[in-house]
Amino acid sequence: MIREARDGDWPRIWPIVHDVVAEQRTFAYDPAMTEPEARRLWLLEPPARVVVATDGERVTGTANMYANRPGPGSHVASGSLMVAKEARGTGVGRALTTDLVAWARRSGFAAVQFNAVVEVNTPAIRLYESLGFVTLGTAPGAFRHPEHGDVGLRILWLDLR
């Protein structure tokens, strides 16, 4: 189930954010980021939206979504998604992405743009492509992966018009 994040959800969101960032495989966030820094970065104020995926009382994933840029870029949505280690490969990422796209459509955005998808994050790329996203380009060597070294960051696009 996907639902709006509540004030009391942060203690169950933080371990997911911490694990994903500490892995240094999919997000270009500082692995030394503190919990208060992460909270400010993740729990965005409206009109942005923050959701959690739940399995009973357990939070299995989270996403935030927002206008990609202010002003002349505000007609394009963006967002970030994180899935708990134990829930990866179970459809949580698909549910979060589908929810983000539905929110973008409801909100009148013309497209969704993911600005920095690590090119060796094959499961995420396959998921996004299965939902109609296309790669606009890749910034070569823009991400330092712990196993693969410097790899590219893809810009992915889904036209909603």
Foldseek 3Di string as FASTA:
>chain_A
DKDFDDPVCLVQAQVQVLVVLCQQAWDPDHNVDDSVRVCPVQVDDPVKTKMFDDDVPHTFKIKIKAQPDPDPRRLEMEMDITGHPVCPPVCRLLVVVVVRVVVSVVVRRQKYKYQFGFPVPVVNVVSVVVVPKDWPDWDAQPGQRPPPGRGITTIIMGGPD
